[in-house]
Protein backbone atom coordinates (compact mmCIF):
# COMPACT_ATOMS: atom_id res chain seq x y z
CA UNK A 1 152.19 186.99 157.89
CA UNK A 2 151.94 188.00 161.52
CA UNK A 3 154.32 186.23 163.92
CA UNK A 4 151.37 184.29 165.35
CA UNK A 5 150.26 183.15 161.89
CA UNK A 6 153.85 182.15 161.12
CA UNK A 7 154.16 180.01 164.26
CA UNK A 8 150.78 178.40 163.69
CA UNK A 9 151.76 177.61 160.10
CA UNK A 10 155.03 176.02 161.22
CA UNK A 11 153.28 173.86 163.83
CA UNK A 12 150.61 172.90 161.29
CA UNK A 13 153.12 172.23 158.48
CA UNK A 14 151.54 174.91 156.31
CA UNK A 15 153.18 177.39 153.88
CA UNK A 16 154.80 180.41 155.54
CA UNK A 17 156.78 183.47 154.52
CA UNK A 18 159.76 182.37 156.66
CA UNK A 19 160.52 179.93 159.46
CA UNK A 20 159.62 181.39 162.89
CA UNK A 21 162.28 181.98 165.52
CA UNK A 22 162.61 182.29 169.29
CA UNK A 23 165.32 183.49 171.67
CA UNK A 24 166.69 181.96 174.87
CA UNK A 25 169.52 183.68 176.72
CA UNK A 26 171.44 183.86 179.98
CA UNK A 27 171.43 187.07 182.04
CA UNK A 28 174.92 187.94 180.79
CA UNK A 29 173.85 187.66 177.15
CA UNK A 30 170.66 189.62 177.88
CA UNK A 31 172.75 192.40 179.40
CA UNK A 32 175.11 192.49 176.43
CA UNK A 33 172.22 192.64 173.97
CA UNK A 34 170.55 195.44 175.91
CA UNK A 35 173.78 197.44 175.67
CA UNK A 36 174.11 196.66 171.97
CA UNK A 37 170.54 197.75 171.24
CA UNK A 38 170.75 200.80 173.52
CA UNK A 39 167.99 199.54 175.80
CA UNK A 40 169.54 200.37 179.16
CA UNK A 41 169.40 198.02 182.15
CA UNK A 42 166.44 195.68 182.50
CA UNK A 43 163.97 196.77 185.21
CA UNK A 44 164.24 194.96 188.53
CA UNK A 45 161.77 192.14 189.09
CA UNK A 46 160.06 191.38 192.37
CA UNK A 47 161.00 188.12 194.04
CA UNK A 48 158.49 185.47 193.01
CA UNK A 49 157.45 187.05 189.71
CA UNK A 50 157.30 184.36 187.07
CA UNK A 51 158.94 186.11 184.13
CA UNK A 52 161.25 184.86 181.47
CA UNK A 53 162.64 186.47 178.37
CA UNK A 54 163.16 190.18 177.88
CA UNK A 55 160.42 191.58 175.64
CA UNK A 56 162.62 194.48 174.48
CA UNK A 57 165.30 192.09 173.24
CA UNK A 58 162.70 189.98 171.44
CA UNK A 59 161.42 193.08 169.66
CA UNK A 60 164.92 193.99 168.46
CA UNK A 61 165.68 190.46 167.27
CA UNK A 62 162.34 190.20 165.47
CA UNK A 63 161.35 186.88 167.01
CA UNK A 64 157.86 185.44 166.90
CA UNK A 65 156.93 184.22 170.40
CA UNK A 66 156.17 186.21 173.56
CA UNK A 67 156.23 184.64 177.02
CA UNK A 68 153.66 186.02 179.47
CA UNK A 69 154.78 187.46 182.81
CA UNK A 70 152.79 186.30 185.82
CA UNK A 71 153.12 188.79 188.71
CA UNK A 72 153.53 187.49 192.24
CA UNK A 73 151.49 188.96 195.11
CA UNK A 74 151.88 186.27 197.75
CA UNK A 75 153.78 186.23 201.05
CA UNK A 76 157.00 188.21 201.11
CA UNK A 77 160.03 186.29 199.91
CA UNK A 78 163.30 187.01 201.76
CA UNK A 79 165.96 189.03 199.95
CA UNK A 80 169.70 188.56 200.47
CA UNK A 81 172.54 191.03 200.00
CA UNK A 82 175.13 188.43 198.96
CA UNK A 83 173.57 187.32 195.66
CA UNK A 84 171.56 184.41 197.04
CA UNK A 85 168.01 184.03 195.74
CA UNK A 86 165.06 182.24 197.32
CA UNK A 87 162.19 180.97 195.18
CA UNK A 88 158.56 180.33 195.99
CA UNK A 89 159.35 176.69 196.84
CA UNK A 90 161.70 177.70 199.66
CA UNK A 91 164.87 176.71 197.79
CA UNK A 92 167.81 179.09 198.18
CA UNK A 93 170.46 179.23 195.47
CA UNK A 94 173.74 181.09 195.39
CA UNK A 95 175.77 182.36 192.41
CA UNK A 96 178.74 180.20 191.48
CA UNK A 97 181.24 181.41 188.89
CA UNK A 98 182.50 179.15 186.14
CA UNK A 99 184.85 179.90 183.24
CA UNK A 100 182.09 181.63 181.26
CA UNK A 101 179.84 183.36 183.80
CA UNK A 102 177.60 182.72 186.77
CA UNK A 103 175.18 179.89 187.49
CA UNK A 104 172.86 179.50 190.45
CA UNK A 105 173.43 176.43 192.64
CA UNK A 106 171.33 175.26 195.58
CA UNK A 107 172.70 176.02 199.01
CA UNK A 108 169.58 175.31 201.10
CA UNK A 109 167.56 172.12 200.57
CA UNK A 110 164.22 172.42 202.39
CA UNK A 111 163.00 168.94 201.37
CA UNK A 112 166.15 167.09 202.41
CA UNK A 113 164.73 166.41 205.86
CA UNK A 114 161.47 164.87 204.67
CA UNK A 115 161.13 161.36 206.13
CA UNK A 116 157.40 160.74 205.95
CA UNK A 117 154.38 161.73 203.86
CA UNK A 118 153.31 163.82 206.85
CA UNK A 119 156.53 165.85 206.48
CA UNK A 120 155.63 166.54 202.86
CA UNK A 121 152.08 167.57 203.75
CA UNK A 122 153.23 169.80 206.60
CA UNK A 123 155.53 171.87 204.40
CA UNK A 124 154.25 175.26 203.21
CA UNK A 125 153.98 174.68 199.50
CA UNK A 126 153.27 177.66 197.22
CA UNK A 127 149.63 178.41 196.49
CA UNK A 128 148.40 179.18 192.95
CA UNK A 129 146.40 182.06 194.43
CA UNK A 130 149.67 183.89 195.15
CA UNK A 131 149.73 185.17 191.54
CA UNK A 132 147.81 187.88 189.72
CA UNK A 133 146.23 186.19 186.72
CA UNK A 134 144.17 189.30 186.09
CA UNK A 135 147.20 191.00 184.49
CA UNK A 136 147.55 188.35 181.79
CA UNK A 137 144.69 189.40 179.44
CA UNK A 138 146.24 192.85 178.96
CA UNK A 139 149.53 191.21 178.02
CA UNK A 140 147.69 189.04 175.51
CA UNK A 141 146.14 192.14 173.95
CA UNK A 142 149.53 193.86 173.82
CA UNK A 143 151.02 190.94 171.90
CA UNK A 144 147.95 190.03 169.88
CA UNK A 145 149.99 189.55 166.68
CA UNK A 146 152.46 187.18 168.35
CA UNK A 147 152.35 183.54 169.39
CA UNK A 148 151.66 183.83 173.11
CA UNK A 149 153.37 181.40 175.47
CA UNK A 150 152.55 180.64 179.09
CA UNK A 151 155.29 178.91 181.04
CA UNK A 152 159.01 178.40 180.70
CA UNK A 153 161.61 175.62 180.81
CA UNK A 154 161.27 175.24 184.58
CA UNK A 155 157.48 175.04 184.58
CA UNK A 156 156.63 171.68 186.21
CA UNK A 157 160.28 170.43 186.21
CA UNK A 158 159.66 167.52 188.54
CA UNK A 159 163.19 166.11 188.52
CA UNK A 160 165.36 169.25 188.61
CA UNK A 161 162.87 171.29 190.59
CA UNK A 162 162.62 168.63 193.27
CA UNK A 163 166.37 168.01 193.27
CA UNK A 164 167.10 171.68 193.93
CA UNK A 165 165.27 171.28 197.23
CA UNK A 166 166.04 167.65 198.08
CA UNK A 167 169.44 166.99 196.52
CA UNK A 168 170.12 165.36 193.19
CA UNK A 169 171.42 162.07 194.55
CA UNK A 170 168.39 161.64 196.80
CA UNK A 171 166.00 162.58 194.00
CA UNK A 172 167.49 160.03 191.61
CA UNK A 173 167.35 157.44 194.39
CA UNK A 174 163.70 158.39 195.01
CA UNK A 175 162.92 157.69 191.36
CA UNK A 176 164.87 154.44 191.25
CA UNK A 177 163.23 153.03 194.40
CA UNK A 178 159.90 154.82 193.93
CA UNK A 179 160.25 156.18 197.42
CA UNK A 180 156.79 157.39 198.54
CA UNK A 181 158.21 160.51 200.20
CA UNK A 182 160.17 161.59 197.15
CA UNK A 183 157.27 160.87 194.82
CA UNK A 184 154.88 162.80 197.08
CA UNK A 185 157.23 165.77 196.90
CA UNK A 186 157.14 165.64 193.11
CA UNK A 187 153.36 165.27 193.20
CA UNK A 188 152.95 168.49 195.17
CA UNK A 189 155.08 170.32 192.64
CA UNK A 190 153.00 168.86 189.80
CA UNK A 191 149.67 169.79 191.40
CA UNK A 192 150.84 173.38 191.84
CA UNK A 193 152.00 173.62 188.21
CA UNK A 194 148.81 172.08 186.83
CA UNK A 195 146.48 174.37 188.77
CA UNK A 196 148.51 177.51 188.13
CA UNK A 197 148.57 176.71 184.42
CA UNK A 198 144.83 176.06 184.42
CA UNK A 199 144.17 179.44 186.01
CA UNK A 200 146.37 181.20 183.47
CA UNK A 201 144.61 179.48 180.58
CA UNK A 202 141.22 180.32 182.07
CA UNK A 203 142.16 183.98 182.59
CA UNK A 204 143.32 184.37 178.99
CA UNK A 205 140.14 182.92 177.51
CA UNK A 206 141.78 180.74 174.89
CA UNK A 207 144.31 183.32 173.69
CA UNK A 208 147.38 181.37 174.86
CA UNK A 209 148.89 179.55 171.90
CA UNK A 210 151.56 177.46 173.64
CA UNK A 211 151.87 176.06 177.16
CA UNK A 212 155.55 175.49 177.96
CA UNK A 213 156.64 172.91 180.53
CA UNK A 214 159.97 171.26 181.26
CA UNK A 215 161.59 168.26 182.86
CA UNK A 216 165.07 166.96 182.05
CA UNK A 217 164.79 163.29 181.09
CA UNK A 218 168.05 162.90 179.18
CA UNK A 219 171.81 162.84 179.58
CA UNK A 220 174.24 163.37 176.71
CA UNK A 221 174.24 159.63 175.96
CA UNK A 222 170.73 158.45 176.78
CA UNK A 223 167.79 158.63 179.16
CA UNK A 224 168.33 159.58 182.78
CA UNK A 225 165.81 156.88 183.76
CA UNK A 226 164.68 153.75 181.95
CA UNK A 227 161.82 154.02 179.45
CA UNK A 228 159.77 151.73 181.69
CA UNK A 229 160.32 153.99 184.71
CA UNK A 230 159.57 157.12 182.66
CA UNK A 231 156.32 155.64 181.40
CA UNK A 232 155.22 154.74 184.90
CA UNK A 233 156.18 157.92 186.77
CA UNK A 234 156.32 160.78 184.27
CA UNK A 235 154.31 160.00 181.14
CA UNK A 236 150.93 160.39 182.93
CA UNK A 237 151.89 163.84 184.16
CA UNK A 238 153.07 165.04 180.77
CA UNK A 239 149.85 163.65 179.31
CA UNK A 240 147.80 165.54 181.90
CA UNK A 241 149.51 168.81 180.94
CA UNK A 242 148.98 168.10 177.23
CA UNK A 243 145.29 167.41 177.84
CA UNK A 244 144.98 170.63 179.86
CA UNK A 245 146.57 172.74 177.13
CA UNK A 246 144.45 171.14 174.42
CA UNK A 247 141.26 171.76 176.42
CA UNK A 248 141.90 175.50 176.05
CA UNK A 249 142.99 175.34 172.42
CA UNK A 250 146.72 175.65 173.17
CA UNK A 251 149.66 173.51 172.06
CA UNK A 252 151.98 171.87 174.57
CA UNK A 253 155.75 172.42 174.33
CA UNK A 254 157.96 170.14 176.43
CA UNK A 255 161.53 171.09 177.28
CA UNK A 256 164.07 168.39 178.03
CA UNK A 257 167.82 168.48 177.80
CA UNK A 258 169.83 165.56 176.50
CA UNK A 259 169.00 162.37 174.64
CA UNK A 260 165.34 161.35 174.81
CA UNK A 261 165.04 159.57 171.47
CA UNK A 262 163.90 156.33 173.14
CA UNK A 263 160.61 157.86 174.31
CA UNK A 264 159.68 159.93 171.26
CA UNK A 265 157.10 157.31 170.20
CA UNK A 266 155.49 157.95 173.60
CA UNK A 267 155.51 161.69 172.92
CA UNK A 268 153.64 161.07 169.68
CA UNK A 269 151.21 158.71 171.38
CA UNK A 270 150.23 161.20 174.10
CA UNK A 271 149.84 164.11 171.68
CA UNK A 272 152.92 166.27 172.29
CA UNK A 273 152.93 169.22 169.89
CA UNK A 274 156.38 170.84 170.24
CA UNK A 275 159.70 169.57 171.61
CA UNK A 276 162.24 172.00 173.04
CA UNK A 277 165.24 172.31 172.61
CA UNK A 278 166.74 169.47 170.54
CA UNK A 279 170.46 169.31 171.36
CA UNK A 280 172.09 167.96 168.17
CA UNK A 281 175.19 166.62 170.00
CA UNK A 282 173.16 164.30 172.25
CA UNK A 283 172.82 160.67 171.17
CA UNK A 284 170.01 160.12 168.68
CA UNK A 285 169.01 163.80 168.59
CA UNK A 286 170.11 164.81 165.09
CA UNK A 287 167.34 167.23 164.08
CA UNK A 288 167.03 166.02 160.49
CA UNK A 289 166.57 162.43 161.64
CA UNK A 290 163.98 163.38 164.26
CA UNK A 291 162.10 165.46 161.71
CA UNK A 292 162.12 162.60 159.21
CA UNK A 293 160.69 160.12 161.71
CA UNK A 294 158.47 162.26 163.91
CA UNK A 295 158.07 165.58 162.08
CA UNK A 296 154.49 164.87 160.99
CA UNK A 297 153.50 164.93 164.66
CA UNK A 298 156.03 167.00 166.64
CA UNK A 299 157.38 170.46 165.81
CA UNK A 300 161.03 170.99 166.77
CA UNK A 301 161.94 174.10 168.77
CA UNK A 302 165.65 174.88 169.03
CA UNK A 303 168.24 172.75 167.14
CA UNK A 304 170.99 175.41 166.81
CA UNK A 305 173.93 174.14 168.86
CA UNK A 306 174.89 175.99 172.04
CA UNK A 307 177.64 173.42 172.70
CA UNK A 308 179.63 173.95 169.51
CA UNK A 309 178.34 176.18 166.75
CA UNK A 310 177.16 179.26 168.62
CA UNK A 311 180.06 179.57 171.12
CA UNK A 312 182.91 178.23 168.96
CA UNK A 313 181.82 178.75 165.37
CA UNK A 314 181.84 181.79 163.16
CA UNK A 315 178.97 183.88 161.81
CA UNK A 316 179.35 181.94 158.57
CA UNK A 317 179.13 178.50 160.22
CA UNK A 318 176.18 179.63 162.35
CA UNK A 319 174.33 180.79 159.24
CA UNK A 320 175.17 177.50 157.54
CA UNK A 321 173.67 175.49 160.40
CA UNK A 322 170.50 177.58 160.34
CA UNK A 323 170.18 177.20 156.58
CA UNK A 324 170.73 173.44 156.88
CA UNK A 325 167.82 173.14 159.30
CA UNK A 326 165.56 175.28 157.14
CA UNK A 327 166.47 173.69 153.81
CA UNK A 328 166.35 170.09 155.06
CA UNK A 329 162.93 170.27 156.71
CA UNK A 330 162.05 173.60 158.31
CA UNK A 331 160.82 175.31 155.17
CA UNK A 332 158.05 172.69 154.98
CA UNK A 333 157.00 173.34 158.57
CA UNK A 334 157.76 171.62 161.84
CA UNK A 335 160.55 173.95 163.01
CA UNK A 336 160.87 176.99 165.24
CA UNK A 337 164.52 178.08 165.05
CA UNK A 338 166.09 178.77 168.45
CA UNK A 339 169.29 177.94 170.30
CA UNK A 340 169.45 174.42 171.70
CA UNK A 341 169.48 175.92 175.21
CA UNK A 342 169.94 179.36 176.73
CA UNK A 343 172.80 181.06 174.88
CA UNK A 344 175.81 180.99 177.20
CA UNK A 345 177.96 183.98 178.23
CA UNK A 346 180.99 182.89 176.17
CA UNK A 347 179.03 183.12 172.90
CA UNK A 348 180.19 185.91 170.55
CA UNK A 349 177.35 188.33 169.94
CA UNK A 350 178.11 188.36 166.22
CA UNK A 351 177.34 184.61 166.14
CA UNK A 352 174.02 185.18 167.90
CA UNK A 353 173.06 187.92 165.45
CA UNK A 354 174.07 185.71 162.54
CA UNK A 355 171.49 183.14 163.62
CA UNK A 356 168.62 185.61 163.47
CA UNK A 357 169.85 187.18 160.24
CA UNK A 358 169.96 183.74 158.64
CA UNK A 359 166.34 183.15 159.65
CA UNK A 360 165.37 186.50 158.17
CA UNK A 361 163.84 188.09 161.26
CA UNK A 362 166.79 190.48 161.87
CA UNK A 363 168.13 192.79 159.19
């Protein structure tokens, strides 16, 4: 089977030669893999380019999905010499070191001063026309045998994406009180994501297999917001993205960290196709239980623990977890094996390789 056929079979619960797999990594892990595979340093990317995972690494690991790269050609984005990075939304983040590596934390919050709807409207929001959709069809042709993905975990991302520019406390307060200014800020982000995704789908003429969006609705123990609040504020937007993907023959994959079990019946009701990333340590998120209850409707993407097994296990225990997922439900369809989040810098490379060897995509 081709990788695309394999992914389509898994989503459709059809027979396949093996379970498909995907890769998600941090920059530190990407760099280590490039050294291991003799790939050299990854080429520099222009500020604003919407790119995700390293195609060279995916080729070496033998994975089945390829994320499109959407080049930026809009207004110049400032560069900084001290490691800070500005995105197209005006948010500036700086590198902060933890015990394992670096993470990027906001240090400039351009929405924090919004007091009125007029403030929201006056801000220079990014324009979907700032991107070169004309380069996407050639990428689709290049990866014709693969399941082609448009988007990434931060595509849409109304809660985190807004909080990076407004502050997390204020954003949570906005949701709790349904503050019109905070909700208008999220709406602008949603409108941008929806239109940009529509243009990408249109440019690719139906060749995109999966539209990937994200929004973190869960904590380790339960939902970040109540089910009632989620249904009022966020369900309609997820539904709109699902409907858009389906209009162009694509599936919709939603990323959310944490425990979201309480709203999985809603996911089924609005037609969600794939759920990413399924963190097995979060409350109610045991993959086998989710597959038993919802697997006829929703394909699971992820499930291999980045909290315990990958960083602290052994190659043997990693392979055992992969085989458990495959033997318990994945072999019948409804599973794309991947880490339960981006693989962190303290993960032994031999554990990472063991995951892909257990799937059968890496010799």
